[in-house]
Amino acid sequence: MTQRGGRAGARPGQKPGARRRREDEEPRVPAAPRVDLTAARARVRAVIEPVVAAAGYDLEDVAVARAGRRHVVRVLVDTDGGISLDDVAVVSREISAALDAAEESGGEVLAGEYQLEVGSPGIDRPLTLPRHWRRNRGRLVAVNGLTGRIVEAGDAGIVLDVDGKPRELSFDELGAGKVQIEFKRLDEADFGDDDEDDDEGEGGE
């Protein structure tokens, strides 16, 4: 998580007749400068996408939102095999450095302070690209009114195991897939202590 202070000039003196702030009155916190969030998102993406790609990751999403007197920049990155917390920390520093360098070179990306949050996509993210399906092989998904397990994911489409039968679907006919959360049945769960208990029972007096 990175925070950056916005540029600020000297405050002019208080004008005659202006209301003075009482000593026990809380100071007013300035709001974040008004910016076009859609345009800001596009500027951020243009700056950080080459950095993320050079680090070996895919940029999955960029979001810019207002939070009080600062903006929050949320970035989602991923790669085959998943991304660790250490990976997130490294790419976060590189993204922050790229944004600061873009500002220092004279091209304002975000006005004022911002908070950077970098993470990986959660299980609730829709599967919309071929790489999303590839990275979720073996998972149970719902798509196009079907629920099945991804057994193959290639360049042209996927193969779902639907009730024990393979179902081939091309990416052209696929909508956004949704990974299904699976809870293992209690009677199938392996708690790892059954054998130990049996040994104690057999050997005990």
N, C-alpha and C. Protein backbone atom coordinates (compact mmCIF):
# COMPACT_ATOMS: atom_id res chain seq x y z
N MET A 1 0.87 -1.19 0.00
CA MET A 1 0.00 0.00 0.00
C MET A 1 0.90 1.23 0.00
N THR A 2 0.62 2.16 -0.90
CA THR A 2 1.45 3.35 -1.06
C THR A 2 0.60 4.59 -0.95
N GLN A 3 1.13 5.59 -0.28
CA GLN A 3 0.44 6.86 -0.20
C GLN A 3 1.36 7.93 -0.73
N ARG A 4 0.77 8.87 -1.45
CA ARG A 4 1.57 9.97 -1.98
C ARG A 4 0.90 11.27 -1.67
N GLY A 5 1.67 12.24 -1.20
CA GLY A 5 1.11 13.54 -0.89
C GLY A 5 0.97 14.38 -2.15
N GLY A 6 -0.12 15.09 -2.25
CA GLY A 6 -0.34 15.95 -3.41
C GLY A 6 0.43 17.25 -3.25
N ARG A 7 0.56 17.96 -4.35
CA ARG A 7 1.24 19.25 -4.29
C ARG A 7 0.36 20.27 -3.59
N ALA A 8 0.95 21.14 -2.80
CA ALA A 8 0.16 22.14 -2.07
C ALA A 8 0.96 23.43 -1.99
N GLY A 9 0.29 24.56 -2.24
CA GLY A 9 0.96 25.86 -2.15
C GLY A 9 0.75 26.48 -0.79
N ALA A 10 1.36 27.68 -0.54
CA ALA A 10 1.21 28.36 0.74
C ALA A 10 -0.19 28.94 0.86
N ARG A 11 -0.75 28.88 2.05
CA ARG A 11 -2.08 29.43 2.28
C ARG A 11 -2.01 30.95 2.36
N PRO A 12 -2.90 31.64 1.70
CA PRO A 12 -2.92 33.11 1.84
C PRO A 12 -3.39 33.49 3.23
N GLY A 13 -3.08 34.70 3.63
CA GLY A 13 -3.51 35.16 4.95
C GLY A 13 -5.01 35.30 5.04
N GLN A 14 -5.51 35.27 6.23
CA GLN A 14 -6.96 35.36 6.43
C GLN A 14 -7.45 36.76 6.07
N LYS A 15 -8.52 36.80 5.29
CA LYS A 15 -9.05 38.09 4.86
C LYS A 15 -9.77 38.77 6.02
N PRO A 16 -9.79 40.12 5.99
CA PRO A 16 -10.51 40.84 7.05
C PRO A 16 -11.98 40.42 7.06
N GLY A 17 -12.50 40.20 8.24
CA GLY A 17 -13.89 39.85 8.39
C GLY A 17 -14.17 38.37 8.28
N ALA A 18 -13.14 37.59 7.93
CA ALA A 18 -13.36 36.15 7.80
C ALA A 18 -13.51 35.53 9.19
N ARG A 19 -14.34 34.47 9.28
CA ARG A 19 -14.56 33.83 10.58
C ARG A 19 -13.29 33.12 11.02
N ARG A 20 -12.88 33.36 12.25
CA ARG A 20 -11.70 32.70 12.80
C ARG A 20 -12.10 31.35 13.38
N ARG A 21 -11.24 30.37 13.23
CA ARG A 21 -11.53 29.05 13.77
C ARG A 21 -11.22 29.02 15.25
N ARG A 22 -12.17 28.51 16.03
CA ARG A 22 -11.94 28.40 17.46
C ARG A 22 -10.88 27.35 17.73
N GLU A 23 -10.20 27.49 18.87
CA GLU A 23 -9.11 26.57 19.19
C GLU A 23 -9.62 25.15 19.36
N ASP A 24 -10.89 25.00 19.82
CA ASP A 24 -11.42 23.65 20.05
C ASP A 24 -12.16 23.12 18.82
N GLU A 25 -12.10 23.84 17.71
CA GLU A 25 -12.82 23.42 16.51
C GLU A 25 -11.89 22.57 15.65
N GLU A 26 -12.42 21.44 15.15
CA GLU A 26 -11.62 20.55 14.32
C GLU A 26 -11.29 21.23 13.00
N PRO A 27 -10.03 21.14 12.54
CA PRO A 27 -9.68 21.74 11.25
C PRO A 27 -10.39 21.00 10.12
N ARG A 28 -10.75 21.73 9.11
CA ARG A 28 -11.42 21.14 7.95
C ARG A 28 -10.39 20.41 7.09
N VAL A 29 -10.73 19.17 6.71
CA VAL A 29 -9.84 18.39 5.85
C VAL A 29 -10.27 18.59 4.40
N PRO A 30 -9.38 19.07 3.56
CA PRO A 30 -9.77 19.31 2.17
C PRO A 30 -10.11 18.01 1.45
N ALA A 31 -11.12 18.07 0.61
CA ALA A 31 -11.51 16.90 -0.16
C ALA A 31 -10.53 16.71 -1.31
N ALA A 32 -10.53 15.48 -1.86
CA ALA A 32 -9.67 15.20 -3.00
C ALA A 32 -10.10 16.07 -4.18
N PRO A 33 -9.15 16.57 -4.96
CA PRO A 33 -9.51 17.38 -6.12
C PRO A 33 -10.44 16.61 -7.04
N ARG A 34 -11.40 17.32 -7.62
CA ARG A 34 -12.34 16.68 -8.52
C ARG A 34 -11.65 16.29 -9.81
N VAL A 35 -11.71 15.00 -10.15
CA VAL A 35 -11.13 14.53 -11.40
C VAL A 35 -12.12 13.60 -12.07
N ASP A 36 -11.98 13.45 -13.37
CA ASP A 36 -12.77 12.49 -14.14
C ASP A 36 -12.19 11.11 -13.85
N LEU A 37 -12.91 10.29 -13.07
CA LEU A 37 -12.38 9.00 -12.64
C LEU A 37 -12.15 8.05 -13.81
N THR A 38 -13.01 8.13 -14.82
CA THR A 38 -12.84 7.27 -15.99
C THR A 38 -11.55 7.62 -16.73
N ALA A 39 -11.31 8.93 -16.89
CA ALA A 39 -10.09 9.38 -17.56
C ALA A 39 -8.86 9.06 -16.71
N ALA A 40 -8.98 9.22 -15.37
CA ALA A 40 -7.87 8.91 -14.48
C ALA A 40 -7.52 7.43 -14.55
N ARG A 41 -8.55 6.58 -14.60
CA ARG A 41 -8.32 5.14 -14.71
C ARG A 41 -7.55 4.81 -15.98
N ALA A 42 -7.92 5.45 -17.08
CA ALA A 42 -7.24 5.21 -18.35
C ALA A 42 -5.79 5.66 -18.29
N ARG A 43 -5.53 6.80 -17.63
CA ARG A 43 -4.16 7.30 -17.51
C ARG A 43 -3.32 6.36 -16.65
N VAL A 44 -3.91 5.88 -15.54
CA VAL A 44 -3.18 4.96 -14.66
C VAL A 44 -2.85 3.68 -15.41
N ARG A 45 -3.83 3.15 -16.13
CA ARG A 45 -3.62 1.89 -16.86
C ARG A 45 -2.50 2.05 -17.90
N ALA A 46 -2.51 3.18 -18.61
CA ALA A 46 -1.49 3.41 -19.64
C ALA A 46 -0.09 3.44 -19.03
N VAL A 47 0.04 3.95 -17.80
CA VAL A 47 1.34 4.04 -17.15
C VAL A 47 1.79 2.69 -16.61
N ILE A 48 0.88 1.95 -15.98
CA ILE A 48 1.32 0.76 -15.24
C ILE A 48 1.27 -0.54 -16.04
N GLU A 49 0.49 -0.59 -17.13
CA GLU A 49 0.38 -1.86 -17.86
C GLU A 49 1.72 -2.35 -18.40
N PRO A 50 2.57 -1.48 -19.00
CA PRO A 50 3.88 -1.96 -19.45
C PRO A 50 4.75 -2.44 -18.28
N VAL A 51 4.62 -1.82 -17.13
CA VAL A 51 5.41 -2.20 -15.95
C VAL A 51 4.99 -3.59 -15.46
N VAL A 52 3.69 -3.82 -15.39
CA VAL A 52 3.18 -5.11 -14.94
C VAL A 52 3.59 -6.21 -15.92
N ALA A 53 3.49 -5.93 -17.22
CA ALA A 53 3.86 -6.92 -18.24
C ALA A 53 5.35 -7.24 -18.18
N ALA A 54 6.18 -6.21 -17.96
CA ALA A 54 7.63 -6.42 -17.88
C ALA A 54 7.99 -7.27 -16.67
N ALA A 55 7.17 -7.21 -15.62
CA ALA A 55 7.41 -8.01 -14.42
C ALA A 55 6.93 -9.45 -14.58
N GLY A 56 6.25 -9.73 -15.71
CA GLY A 56 5.81 -11.09 -15.98
C GLY A 56 4.39 -11.41 -15.54
N TYR A 57 3.58 -10.35 -15.33
CA TYR A 57 2.20 -10.56 -14.87
C TYR A 57 1.21 -9.99 -15.87
N ASP A 58 -0.05 -10.39 -15.68
CA ASP A 58 -1.15 -9.83 -16.48
C ASP A 58 -1.89 -8.81 -15.63
N LEU A 59 -2.17 -7.66 -16.22
CA LEU A 59 -2.97 -6.65 -15.53
C LEU A 59 -4.43 -6.99 -15.75
N GLU A 60 -5.11 -7.43 -14.70
CA GLU A 60 -6.50 -7.88 -14.81
C GLU A 60 -7.50 -6.75 -14.64
N ASP A 61 -7.20 -5.79 -13.81
CA ASP A 61 -8.17 -4.71 -13.61
C ASP A 61 -7.50 -3.52 -12.93
N VAL A 62 -8.03 -2.34 -13.22
CA VAL A 62 -7.61 -1.09 -12.57
C VAL A 62 -8.88 -0.34 -12.20
N ALA A 63 -8.94 0.12 -10.97
CA ALA A 63 -10.09 0.91 -10.52
C ALA A 63 -9.57 2.13 -9.77
N VAL A 64 -10.22 3.26 -9.99
CA VAL A 64 -9.89 4.51 -9.29
C VAL A 64 -11.15 5.03 -8.63
N ALA A 65 -11.08 5.28 -7.33
CA ALA A 65 -12.24 5.77 -6.59
C ALA A 65 -11.81 6.88 -5.64
N ARG A 66 -12.78 7.69 -5.21
CA ARG A 66 -12.52 8.74 -4.24
C ARG A 66 -12.73 8.18 -2.84
N ALA A 67 -11.87 8.58 -1.92
CA ALA A 67 -12.02 8.19 -0.52
C ALA A 67 -11.60 9.37 0.34
N GLY A 68 -12.58 10.22 0.68
CA GLY A 68 -12.27 11.41 1.47
C GLY A 68 -11.40 12.38 0.71
N ARG A 69 -10.24 12.70 1.26
CA ARG A 69 -9.37 13.69 0.63
C ARG A 69 -8.33 13.06 -0.30
N ARG A 70 -8.42 11.77 -0.53
CA ARG A 70 -7.48 11.12 -1.44
C ARG A 70 -8.23 10.20 -2.40
N HIS A 71 -7.50 9.71 -3.37
CA HIS A 71 -8.04 8.73 -4.29
C HIS A 71 -7.44 7.35 -3.96
N VAL A 72 -8.20 6.32 -4.23
CA VAL A 72 -7.74 4.95 -4.02
C VAL A 72 -7.59 4.29 -5.39
N VAL A 73 -6.40 3.77 -5.66
CA VAL A 73 -6.12 3.07 -6.90
C VAL A 73 -5.99 1.58 -6.57
N ARG A 74 -6.91 0.78 -7.09
CA ARG A 74 -6.88 -0.67 -6.85
C ARG A 74 -6.46 -1.38 -8.14
N VAL A 75 -5.43 -2.21 -8.02
CA VAL A 75 -4.87 -2.90 -9.18
C VAL A 75 -4.89 -4.40 -8.91
N LEU A 76 -5.38 -5.17 -9.88
CA LEU A 76 -5.39 -6.62 -9.78
C LEU A 76 -4.44 -7.19 -10.82
N VAL A 77 -3.52 -8.05 -10.38
CA VAL A 77 -2.57 -8.69 -11.28
C VAL A 77 -2.62 -10.19 -11.04
N ASP A 78 -2.23 -10.95 -12.06
CA ASP A 78 -2.25 -12.41 -11.92
C ASP A 78 -1.26 -13.02 -12.90
N THR A 79 -1.01 -14.32 -12.74
CA THR A 79 -0.13 -15.06 -13.64
C THR A 79 -0.44 -16.53 -13.50
N ASP A 80 0.05 -17.34 -14.43
CA ASP A 80 -0.14 -18.78 -14.33
C ASP A 80 0.53 -19.27 -13.05
N GLY A 81 -0.17 -20.09 -12.29
CA GLY A 81 0.38 -20.59 -11.03
C GLY A 81 0.07 -19.70 -9.85
N GLY A 82 -0.57 -18.55 -10.10
CA GLY A 82 -0.94 -17.67 -8.99
C GLY A 82 0.17 -16.71 -8.62
N ILE A 83 -0.15 -15.78 -7.75
CA ILE A 83 0.80 -14.74 -7.33
C ILE A 83 0.86 -14.72 -5.81
N SER A 84 2.08 -14.67 -5.28
CA SER A 84 2.28 -14.71 -3.83
C SER A 84 2.28 -13.30 -3.24
N LEU A 85 2.27 -13.24 -1.90
CA LEU A 85 2.31 -11.94 -1.24
C LEU A 85 3.62 -11.21 -1.53
N ASP A 86 4.72 -11.97 -1.62
CA ASP A 86 6.00 -11.36 -1.95
C ASP A 86 5.96 -10.77 -3.36
N ASP A 87 5.34 -11.50 -4.29
CA ASP A 87 5.20 -10.99 -5.66
C ASP A 87 4.40 -9.70 -5.68
N VAL A 88 3.31 -9.68 -4.89
CA VAL A 88 2.46 -8.49 -4.82
C VAL A 88 3.27 -7.30 -4.30
N ALA A 89 4.09 -7.53 -3.28
CA ALA A 89 4.89 -6.44 -2.71
C ALA A 89 5.87 -5.88 -3.74
N VAL A 90 6.50 -6.76 -4.52
CA VAL A 90 7.47 -6.32 -5.52
C VAL A 90 6.79 -5.51 -6.62
N VAL A 91 5.71 -6.04 -7.18
CA VAL A 91 5.04 -5.34 -8.28
C VAL A 91 4.38 -4.05 -7.78
N SER A 92 3.97 -4.03 -6.51
CA SER A 92 3.40 -2.81 -5.95
C SER A 92 4.43 -1.68 -5.93
N ARG A 93 5.65 -2.00 -5.53
CA ARG A 93 6.71 -0.99 -5.52
C ARG A 93 7.01 -0.48 -6.93
N GLU A 94 6.99 -1.39 -7.91
CA GLU A 94 7.29 -0.99 -9.28
C GLU A 94 6.18 -0.12 -9.86
N ILE A 95 4.94 -0.45 -9.52
CA ILE A 95 3.81 0.36 -9.98
C ILE A 95 3.87 1.75 -9.37
N SER A 96 4.15 1.81 -8.06
CA SER A 96 4.25 3.10 -7.38
C SER A 96 5.35 3.97 -7.97
N ALA A 97 6.50 3.35 -8.25
CA ALA A 97 7.62 4.09 -8.83
C ALA A 97 7.25 4.61 -10.23
N ALA A 98 6.52 3.82 -11.00
CA ALA A 98 6.13 4.24 -12.34
C ALA A 98 5.16 5.41 -12.29
N LEU A 99 4.21 5.37 -11.37
CA LEU A 99 3.25 6.46 -11.23
C LEU A 99 3.96 7.75 -10.79
N ASP A 100 4.88 7.63 -9.84
CA ASP A 100 5.62 8.81 -9.37
C ASP A 100 6.47 9.40 -10.50
N ALA A 101 7.11 8.50 -11.29
CA ALA A 101 7.96 8.97 -12.39
C ALA A 101 7.12 9.69 -13.45
N ALA A 102 5.92 9.18 -13.70
CA ALA A 102 5.04 9.83 -14.68
C ALA A 102 4.63 11.22 -14.21
N GLU A 103 4.37 11.36 -12.91
CA GLU A 103 4.01 12.67 -12.35
C GLU A 103 5.19 13.63 -12.43
N GLU A 104 6.37 13.14 -12.09
CA GLU A 104 7.55 14.00 -12.07
C GLU A 104 7.96 14.46 -13.46
N SER A 105 7.58 13.67 -14.47
CA SER A 105 7.95 14.05 -15.84
C SER A 105 7.01 15.10 -16.42
N GLY A 106 6.02 15.52 -15.63
CA GLY A 106 5.14 16.60 -16.05
C GLY A 106 3.77 16.16 -16.48
N GLY A 107 3.52 14.86 -16.59
CA GLY A 107 2.19 14.39 -16.98
C GLY A 107 1.39 14.00 -15.76
N GLU A 108 0.43 14.82 -15.36
CA GLU A 108 -0.34 14.53 -14.15
C GLU A 108 -1.26 13.34 -14.38
N VAL A 109 -1.09 12.30 -13.57
CA VAL A 109 -1.90 11.09 -13.67
C VAL A 109 -3.08 11.18 -12.72
N LEU A 110 -2.80 11.53 -11.46
CA LEU A 110 -3.83 11.71 -10.45
C LEU A 110 -3.56 13.00 -9.70
N ALA A 111 -4.58 13.78 -9.46
CA ALA A 111 -4.41 15.03 -8.73
C ALA A 111 -4.47 14.76 -7.24
N GLY A 112 -3.52 15.28 -6.48
CA GLY A 112 -3.54 15.13 -5.04
C GLY A 112 -2.99 13.79 -4.57
N GLU A 113 -3.37 13.42 -3.35
CA GLU A 113 -2.86 12.19 -2.75
C GLU A 113 -3.59 10.97 -3.31
N TYR A 114 -2.89 9.84 -3.31
CA TYR A 114 -3.56 8.59 -3.68
C TYR A 114 -3.04 7.46 -2.80
N GLN A 115 -3.86 6.44 -2.69
CA GLN A 115 -3.50 5.24 -1.95
C GLN A 115 -3.52 4.08 -2.93
N LEU A 116 -2.43 3.34 -3.01
CA LEU A 116 -2.32 2.24 -3.97
C LEU A 116 -2.54 0.91 -3.28
N GLU A 117 -3.43 0.10 -3.84
CA GLU A 117 -3.71 -1.24 -3.33
C GLU A 117 -3.54 -2.23 -4.48
N VAL A 118 -2.63 -3.19 -4.31
CA VAL A 118 -2.35 -4.19 -5.34
C VAL A 118 -2.68 -5.57 -4.79
N GLY A 119 -3.38 -6.37 -5.58
CA GLY A 119 -3.73 -7.71 -5.14
C GLY A 119 -3.98 -8.60 -6.34
N SER A 120 -4.46 -9.83 -6.06
CA SER A 120 -4.79 -10.78 -7.12
C SER A 120 -6.30 -10.96 -7.17
N PRO A 121 -6.84 -11.39 -8.32
CA PRO A 121 -8.30 -11.56 -8.43
C PRO A 121 -8.82 -12.61 -7.45
N GLY A 122 -9.98 -12.36 -6.89
CA GLY A 122 -10.61 -13.33 -6.00
C GLY A 122 -11.39 -14.37 -6.78
N ILE A 123 -11.93 -15.35 -6.08
CA ILE A 123 -12.66 -16.44 -6.71
C ILE A 123 -13.96 -15.95 -7.34
N ASP A 124 -14.42 -14.77 -6.93
CA ASP A 124 -15.69 -14.25 -7.45
C ASP A 124 -15.52 -13.48 -8.76
N ARG A 125 -14.28 -13.34 -9.24
CA ARG A 125 -14.06 -12.64 -10.50
C ARG A 125 -14.58 -13.48 -11.66
N PRO A 126 -15.33 -12.91 -12.60
CA PRO A 126 -15.84 -13.69 -13.73
C PRO A 126 -14.71 -14.16 -14.65
N LEU A 127 -14.92 -15.31 -15.27
CA LEU A 127 -13.96 -15.85 -16.24
C LEU A 127 -14.37 -15.33 -17.62
N THR A 128 -13.59 -14.43 -18.17
CA THR A 128 -13.96 -13.78 -19.44
C THR A 128 -12.92 -13.96 -20.53
N LEU A 129 -11.70 -14.30 -20.18
CA LEU A 129 -10.62 -14.44 -21.15
C LEU A 129 -10.08 -15.88 -21.15
N PRO A 130 -9.48 -16.32 -22.25
CA PRO A 130 -8.93 -17.68 -22.29
C PRO A 130 -8.00 -18.00 -21.13
N ARG A 131 -7.19 -17.03 -20.71
CA ARG A 131 -6.26 -17.31 -19.61
C ARG A 131 -6.99 -17.54 -18.29
N HIS A 132 -8.16 -16.92 -18.13
CA HIS A 132 -8.94 -17.14 -16.91
C HIS A 132 -9.40 -18.59 -16.83
N TRP A 133 -9.86 -19.13 -17.95
CA TRP A 133 -10.30 -20.53 -17.97
C TRP A 133 -9.12 -21.46 -17.75
N ARG A 134 -7.99 -21.16 -18.39
CA ARG A 134 -6.80 -22.01 -18.25
C ARG A 134 -6.34 -22.07 -16.79
N ARG A 135 -6.40 -20.94 -16.11
CA ARG A 135 -5.91 -20.89 -14.73
C ARG A 135 -6.87 -21.52 -13.73
N ASN A 136 -8.05 -21.89 -14.20
CA ASN A 136 -9.03 -22.49 -13.31
C ASN A 136 -9.38 -23.92 -13.71
N ARG A 137 -8.47 -24.58 -14.44
CA ARG A 137 -8.69 -25.98 -14.77
C ARG A 137 -8.84 -26.81 -13.50
N GLY A 138 -9.82 -27.70 -13.52
CA GLY A 138 -10.09 -28.53 -12.36
C GLY A 138 -11.16 -27.97 -11.45
N ARG A 139 -11.55 -26.72 -11.66
CA ARG A 139 -12.58 -26.10 -10.82
C ARG A 139 -13.96 -26.31 -11.41
N LEU A 140 -14.94 -26.29 -10.53
CA LEU A 140 -16.33 -26.36 -10.93
C LEU A 140 -16.80 -24.95 -11.27
N VAL A 141 -17.42 -24.81 -12.46
CA VAL A 141 -17.84 -23.49 -12.91
C VAL A 141 -19.27 -23.56 -13.44
N ALA A 142 -19.91 -22.41 -13.48
CA ALA A 142 -21.23 -22.28 -14.09
C ALA A 142 -21.11 -21.30 -15.25
N VAL A 143 -21.65 -21.70 -16.42
CA VAL A 143 -21.59 -20.84 -17.59
C VAL A 143 -22.66 -21.30 -18.58
N ASN A 144 -23.34 -20.35 -19.20
CA ASN A 144 -24.34 -20.66 -20.22
C ASN A 144 -25.40 -21.65 -19.73
N GLY A 145 -25.77 -21.56 -18.48
CA GLY A 145 -26.78 -22.46 -17.95
C GLY A 145 -26.27 -23.85 -17.61
N LEU A 146 -24.96 -24.08 -17.76
CA LEU A 146 -24.35 -25.37 -17.44
C LEU A 146 -23.50 -25.24 -16.19
N THR A 147 -23.38 -26.34 -15.46
CA THR A 147 -22.44 -26.41 -14.33
C THR A 147 -21.58 -27.64 -14.55
N GLY A 148 -20.29 -27.43 -14.63
CA GLY A 148 -19.38 -28.54 -14.87
C GLY A 148 -17.97 -28.19 -14.45
N ARG A 149 -17.10 -29.19 -14.54
CA ARG A 149 -15.71 -29.01 -14.14
C ARG A 149 -14.84 -28.81 -15.38
N ILE A 150 -13.95 -27.82 -15.33
CA ILE A 150 -13.05 -27.55 -16.46
C ILE A 150 -12.00 -28.65 -16.53
N VAL A 151 -12.03 -29.44 -17.59
CA VAL A 151 -11.03 -30.50 -17.73
C VAL A 151 -9.95 -30.13 -18.75
N GLU A 152 -10.31 -29.25 -19.68
CA GLU A 152 -9.33 -28.77 -20.67
C GLU A 152 -9.63 -27.31 -20.99
N ALA A 153 -8.58 -26.56 -21.28
CA ALA A 153 -8.73 -25.16 -21.71
C ALA A 153 -7.62 -24.86 -22.69
N GLY A 154 -7.99 -24.70 -23.96
CA GLY A 154 -7.00 -24.46 -25.00
C GLY A 154 -7.15 -23.09 -25.62
N ASP A 155 -6.60 -22.95 -26.83
CA ASP A 155 -6.65 -21.65 -27.51
C ASP A 155 -8.02 -21.36 -28.09
N ALA A 156 -8.78 -22.42 -28.42
CA ALA A 156 -10.07 -22.22 -29.09
C ALA A 156 -11.25 -22.28 -28.14
N GLY A 157 -11.11 -23.02 -27.04
CA GLY A 157 -12.24 -23.17 -26.13
C GLY A 157 -11.91 -24.08 -24.97
N ILE A 158 -12.94 -24.62 -24.36
CA ILE A 158 -12.76 -25.44 -23.16
C ILE A 158 -13.56 -26.73 -23.30
N VAL A 159 -13.25 -27.67 -22.42
CA VAL A 159 -14.03 -28.89 -22.28
C VAL A 159 -14.50 -28.96 -20.84
N LEU A 160 -15.81 -29.05 -20.67
CA LEU A 160 -16.41 -29.18 -19.35
C LEU A 160 -16.86 -30.62 -19.13
N ASP A 161 -16.63 -31.10 -17.92
CA ASP A 161 -17.21 -32.38 -17.51
C ASP A 161 -18.55 -32.05 -16.85
N VAL A 162 -19.64 -32.35 -17.57
CA VAL A 162 -20.99 -32.08 -17.07
C VAL A 162 -21.66 -33.41 -16.75
N ASP A 163 -21.80 -33.71 -15.47
CA ASP A 163 -22.41 -34.97 -15.03
C ASP A 163 -21.73 -36.18 -15.66
N GLY A 164 -20.40 -36.12 -15.73
CA GLY A 164 -19.65 -37.26 -16.26
C GLY A 164 -19.51 -37.29 -17.76
N LYS A 165 -20.08 -36.32 -18.48
CA LYS A 165 -20.01 -36.30 -19.93
C LYS A 165 -19.24 -35.05 -20.38
N PRO A 166 -18.29 -35.21 -21.32
CA PRO A 166 -17.53 -34.05 -21.80
C PRO A 166 -18.40 -33.16 -22.68
N ARG A 167 -18.24 -31.87 -22.50
CA ARG A 167 -19.00 -30.89 -23.30
C ARG A 167 -18.01 -29.85 -23.80
N GLU A 168 -17.82 -29.79 -25.12
CA GLU A 168 -16.89 -28.84 -25.72
C GLU A 168 -17.59 -27.52 -26.01
N LEU A 169 -16.96 -26.43 -25.62
CA LEU A 169 -17.51 -25.10 -25.84
C LEU A 169 -16.40 -24.19 -26.36
N SER A 170 -16.67 -23.47 -27.43
CA SER A 170 -15.68 -22.53 -27.96
C SER A 170 -15.80 -21.21 -27.21
N PHE A 171 -14.72 -20.44 -27.24
CA PHE A 171 -14.75 -19.14 -26.57
C PHE A 171 -15.77 -18.20 -27.22
N ASP A 172 -16.05 -18.41 -28.50
CA ASP A 172 -17.02 -17.56 -29.18
C ASP A 172 -18.43 -17.72 -28.61
N GLU A 173 -18.74 -18.91 -28.10
CA GLU A 173 -20.08 -19.16 -27.57
C GLU A 173 -20.14 -19.09 -26.05
N LEU A 174 -19.00 -18.89 -25.43
CA LEU A 174 -18.97 -18.83 -23.97
C LEU A 174 -19.31 -17.43 -23.47
N GLY A 175 -20.11 -17.37 -22.42
CA GLY A 175 -20.32 -16.12 -21.71
C GLY A 175 -19.31 -16.02 -20.58
N ALA A 176 -19.58 -15.17 -19.64
CA ALA A 176 -18.70 -15.03 -18.47
C ALA A 176 -18.96 -16.20 -17.52
N GLY A 177 -17.89 -16.93 -17.19
CA GLY A 177 -18.02 -18.07 -16.28
C GLY A 177 -17.91 -17.64 -14.84
N LYS A 178 -18.45 -18.45 -13.95
CA LYS A 178 -18.42 -18.16 -12.52
C LYS A 178 -17.95 -19.40 -11.78
N VAL A 179 -16.83 -19.27 -11.06
CA VAL A 179 -16.32 -20.38 -10.27
C VAL A 179 -17.28 -20.67 -9.12
N GLN A 180 -17.58 -21.95 -8.93
CA GLN A 180 -18.49 -22.36 -7.87
C GLN A 180 -17.70 -22.80 -6.63
N ILE A 181 -18.14 -22.34 -5.48
CA ILE A 181 -17.50 -22.72 -4.23
C ILE A 181 -17.96 -24.12 -3.86
N GLU A 182 -17.00 -25.00 -3.57
CA GLU A 182 -17.32 -26.38 -3.23
C GLU A 182 -16.98 -26.64 -1.76
N PHE A 183 -17.91 -27.25 -1.06
CA PHE A 183 -17.70 -27.64 0.33
C PHE A 183 -17.61 -29.16 0.39
N LYS A 184 -16.50 -29.65 0.90
CA LYS A 184 -16.32 -31.10 0.98
C LYS A 184 -17.29 -31.68 1.99
N ARG A 185 -17.88 -32.81 1.61
CA ARG A 185 -18.82 -33.45 2.53
C ARG A 185 -18.11 -33.89 3.79
N LEU A 186 -18.78 -33.77 4.92
CA LEU A 186 -18.18 -34.10 6.22
C LEU A 186 -17.76 -35.55 6.28
N ASP A 187 -18.57 -36.44 5.67
CA ASP A 187 -18.23 -37.86 5.77
C ASP A 187 -17.10 -38.26 4.84
N GLU A 188 -16.68 -37.32 3.95
CA GLU A 188 -15.54 -37.58 3.08
C GLU A 188 -14.28 -36.89 3.57
N ALA A 189 -14.43 -36.05 4.59
CA ALA A 189 -13.29 -35.26 5.07
C ALA A 189 -12.28 -36.15 5.78
N ASP A 190 -11.00 -35.86 5.58
CA ASP A 190 -9.91 -36.59 6.23
C ASP A 190 -9.32 -35.69 7.30
N PHE A 191 -9.58 -36.02 8.56
CA PHE A 191 -9.09 -35.20 9.66
C PHE A 191 -7.69 -35.61 10.09
N GLY A 192 -7.15 -36.70 9.53
CA GLY A 192 -5.76 -37.07 9.78
C GLY A 192 -5.49 -37.73 11.11
N ASP A 193 -6.52 -37.97 11.95
CA ASP A 193 -6.26 -38.55 13.26
C ASP A 193 -6.98 -39.87 13.46
N ASP A 194 -7.67 -40.39 12.42
CA ASP A 194 -8.41 -41.63 12.57
C ASP A 194 -7.48 -42.80 12.82
N ASP A 195 -6.38 -42.91 12.02
CA ASP A 195 -5.45 -44.03 12.18
C ASP A 195 -4.77 -43.98 13.53
N GLU A 196 -4.45 -42.74 13.97
CA GLU A 196 -3.77 -42.59 15.26
C GLU A 196 -4.67 -43.06 16.39
N ASP A 197 -5.99 -42.73 16.30
CA ASP A 197 -6.92 -43.16 17.33
C ASP A 197 -7.07 -44.67 17.36
N ASP A 198 -7.07 -45.29 16.13
CA ASP A 198 -7.20 -46.74 16.05
C ASP A 198 -6.01 -47.43 16.68
N ASP A 199 -4.78 -46.87 16.42
CA ASP A 199 -3.58 -47.47 16.98
C ASP A 199 -3.58 -47.40 18.50
N GLU A 200 -4.06 -46.26 19.02
CA GLU A 200 -4.11 -46.13 20.48
C GLU A 200 -5.08 -47.12 21.10
N GLY A 201 -6.21 -47.34 20.38
CA GLY A 201 -7.22 -48.25 20.91
C GLY A 201 -6.73 -49.68 20.91
N GLU A 202 -5.95 -50.06 19.87
CA GLU A 202 -5.47 -51.41 19.80
C GLU A 202 -4.37 -51.70 20.79
N GLY A 203 -3.53 -50.71 21.01
CA GLY A 203 -2.37 -50.94 21.88
C GLY A 203 -2.60 -50.60 23.32
N GLY A 204 -3.71 -49.91 23.64
CA GLY A 204 -3.97 -49.47 25.01
C GLY A 204 -4.49 -50.58 25.87
N GLU A 205 -4.34 -50.43 27.19
CA GLU A 205 -4.86 -51.40 28.14
C GLU A 205 -6.34 -51.16 28.36
